[in-house]
Amino acid sequence: MRAARLIGVSTTFAARQEDLDQTQQEVVRMIARLRQVATRAEAASDLAEAEVALRSLSRIPAGKAMPRCKGRLWLASPTLLVDGVSVK
């Protein structure tokens, strides 16, 4: 009788261990998905910020001084000036 009970406990333990292993694998998969979603959201946010910045810049007339950006003076012109150097 005692041996049968031990077998039953052992079987239950093995089943719970399998459940735990499956749950751990699912948690790892969900974390990976969350990271992927977070990366996509961050990229979408960066794109939206860039779009807003470009729209703001397109409203400034050519040759007119633009606001300072990180201590640099940017000018609205056909070529972009960064610290006085033309960048195409």
C-alpha atoms as a PDB file:
ATOM      1  CA  MET A   1       0.000   0.000   0.000  1.00  0.00           C
ATOM      2  CA  ARG A   2       2.827   2.388   0.855  1.00  0.00           C
ATOM      3  CA  ALA A   3       4.583   1.654  -2.453  1.00  0.00           C
ATOM      4  CA  ALA A   4       1.394   2.397  -4.388  1.00  0.00           C
ATOM      5  CA  ARG A   5       1.041   5.711  -2.601  1.00  0.00           C
ATOM      6  CA  LEU A   6       4.662   6.620  -3.375  1.00  0.00           C
ATOM      7  CA  ILE A   7       4.100   5.796  -7.036  1.00  0.00           C
ATOM      8  CA  GLY A   8       1.018   8.020  -7.049  1.00  0.00           C
ATOM      9  CA  VAL A   9       2.917  10.894  -5.422  1.00  0.00           C
ATOM     10  CA  SER A  10       5.785  10.401  -7.848  1.00  0.00           C
ATOM     11  CA  THR A  11       3.406  10.464 -10.814  1.00  0.00           C
ATOM     12  CA  THR A  12       1.728  13.624  -9.513  1.00  0.00           C
ATOM     13  CA  PHE A  13       5.110  15.247  -8.957  1.00  0.00           C
ATOM     14  CA  ALA A  14       6.230  14.368 -12.499  1.00  0.00           C
ATOM     15  CA  ALA A  15       3.027  15.844 -13.937  1.00  0.00           C
ATOM     16  CA  ARG A  16       3.464  19.069 -11.950  1.00  0.00           C
ATOM     17  CA  GLN A  17       7.098  19.289 -13.022  1.00  0.00           C
ATOM     18  CA  GLU A  18       6.022  18.961 -16.663  1.00  0.00           C
ATOM     19  CA  ASP A  19       3.399  21.686 -16.133  1.00  0.00           C
ATOM     20  CA  LEU A  20       6.064  23.915 -14.592  1.00  0.00           C
ATOM     21  CA  ASP A  21       8.454  23.325 -17.492  1.00  0.00           C
ATOM     22  CA  GLN A  22       5.753  24.162 -20.039  1.00  0.00           C
ATOM     23  CA  THR A  23       4.795  27.296 -18.125  1.00  0.00           C
ATOM     24  CA  GLN A  24       8.416  28.433 -17.992  1.00  0.00           C
ATOM     25  CA  GLN A  25       8.744  27.939 -21.760  1.00  0.00           C
ATOM     26  CA  GLU A  26       5.569  29.962 -22.331  1.00  0.00           C
ATOM     27  CA  VAL A  27       6.884  32.771 -20.105  1.00  0.00           C
ATOM     28  CA  VAL A  28      10.109  32.883 -22.120  1.00  0.00           C
ATOM     29  CA  ARG A  29       8.106  33.052 -25.375  1.00  0.00           C
ATOM     30  CA  MET A  30       5.893  35.837 -24.001  1.00  0.00           C
ATOM     31  CA  ILE A  31       8.906  37.863 -22.859  1.00  0.00           C
ATOM     32  CA  ALA A  32      10.387  37.554 -26.349  1.00  0.00           C
ATOM     33  CA  ARG A  33       7.097  38.735 -27.882  1.00  0.00           C
ATOM     34  CA  LEU A  34       6.890  41.669 -25.476  1.00  0.00           C
ATOM     35  CA  ARG A  35      10.421  42.712 -26.361  1.00  0.00           C
ATOM     36  CA  GLN A  36       9.573  42.540 -30.051  1.00  0.00           C
ATOM     37  CA  VAL A  37       6.437  44.639 -29.553  1.00  0.00           C
ATOM     38  CA  ALA A  38       8.380  47.153 -27.448  1.00  0.00           C
ATOM     39  CA  THR A  39      11.040  47.430 -30.164  1.00  0.00           C
ATOM     40  CA  ARG A  40       8.382  48.017 -32.817  1.00  0.00           C
ATOM     41  CA  ALA A  41       6.633  50.589 -30.639  1.00  0.00           C
ATOM     42  CA  GLU A  42       9.898  52.418 -30.038  1.00  0.00           C
ATOM     43  CA  ALA A  43      10.650  52.458 -33.766  1.00  0.00           C
ATOM     44  CA  ALA A  44       7.146  53.755 -34.529  1.00  0.00           C
ATOM     45  CA  SER A  45       7.569  56.467 -31.911  1.00  0.00           C
ATOM     46  CA  ASP A  46      10.921  57.506 -33.389  1.00  0.00           C
ATOM     47  CA  LEU A  47       9.392  57.661 -36.865  1.00  0.00           C
ATOM     48  CA  ALA A  48       6.487  59.765 -35.610  1.00  0.00           C
ATOM     49  CA  GLU A  49       8.888  62.186 -33.897  1.00  0.00           C
ATOM     50  CA  ALA A  50      10.921  62.502 -37.087  1.00  0.00           C
ATOM     51  CA  GLU A  51       7.776  63.140 -39.121  1.00  0.00           C
ATOM     52  CA  VAL A  52       6.669  65.902 -36.731  1.00  0.00           C
ATOM     53  CA  ALA A  53      10.139  67.455 -36.875  1.00  0.00           C
ATOM     54  CA  LEU A  54      10.168  67.363 -40.680  1.00  0.00           C
ATOM     55  CA  ARG A  55       6.726  68.966 -40.856  1.00  0.00           C
ATOM     56  CA  SER A  56       7.885  71.708 -38.500  1.00  0.00           C
ATOM     57  CA  LEU A  57      11.000  72.310 -40.592  1.00  0.00           C
ATOM     58  CA  SER A  58       9.054  72.435 -43.853  1.00  0.00           C
ATOM     59  CA  ARG A  59       7.005  75.387 -42.536  1.00  0.00           C
ATOM     60  CA  ILE A  60      10.088  77.619 -42.106  1.00  0.00           C
ATOM     61  CA  PRO A  61      10.802  79.826 -45.146  1.00  0.00           C
ATOM     62  CA  ALA A  62      14.100  79.210 -46.988  1.00  0.00           C
ATOM     63  CA  GLY A  63      17.014  81.271 -45.672  1.00  0.00           C
ATOM     64  CA  LYS A  64      15.278  82.118 -42.396  1.00  0.00           C
ATOM     65  CA  ALA A  65      17.033  81.222 -39.139  1.00  0.00           C
ATOM     66  CA  MET A  66      15.656  78.137 -37.481  1.00  0.00           C
ATOM     67  CA  PRO A  67      15.560  77.322 -33.784  1.00  0.00           C
ATOM     68  CA  ARG A  68      18.696  76.049 -32.126  1.00  0.00           C
ATOM     69  CA  CYS A  69      19.048  72.290 -31.926  1.00  0.00           C
ATOM     70  CA  LYS A  70      21.521  71.005 -29.325  1.00  0.00           C
ATOM     71  CA  GLY A  71      23.534  74.208 -29.492  1.00  0.00           C
ATOM     72  CA  ARG A  72      23.718  74.351 -33.299  1.00  0.00           C
ATOM     73  CA  LEU A  73      22.083  76.912 -35.555  1.00  0.00           C
ATOM     74  CA  TRP A  74      20.332  75.280 -38.497  1.00  0.00           C
ATOM     75  CA  LEU A  75      19.296  77.277 -41.567  1.00  0.00           C
ATOM     76  CA  ALA A  76      16.419  76.424 -43.863  1.00  0.00           C
ATOM     77  CA  SER A  77      17.979  76.254 -47.315  1.00  0.00           C
ATOM     78  CA  PRO A  78      18.297  73.768 -50.180  1.00  0.00           C
ATOM     79  CA  THR A  79      21.397  72.367 -48.480  1.00  0.00           C
ATOM     80  CA  LEU A  80      21.533  71.542 -44.797  1.00  0.00           C
ATOM     81  CA  LEU A  81      24.142  73.401 -42.769  1.00  0.00           C
ATOM     82  CA  VAL A  82      25.526  71.680 -39.685  1.00  0.00           C
ATOM     83  CA  ASP A  83      27.895  73.899 -37.724  1.00  0.00           C
ATOM     84  CA  GLY A  84      28.557  75.862 -40.894  1.00  0.00           C
ATOM     85  CA  VAL A  85      29.380  72.775 -42.990  1.00  0.00           C
ATOM     86  CA  SER A  86      27.172  71.925 -45.964  1.00  0.00           C
ATOM     87  CA  VAL A  87      25.620  68.464 -45.772  1.00  0.00           C
ATOM     88  CA  LYS A  88      23.768  66.979 -48.720  1.00  0.00           C
END
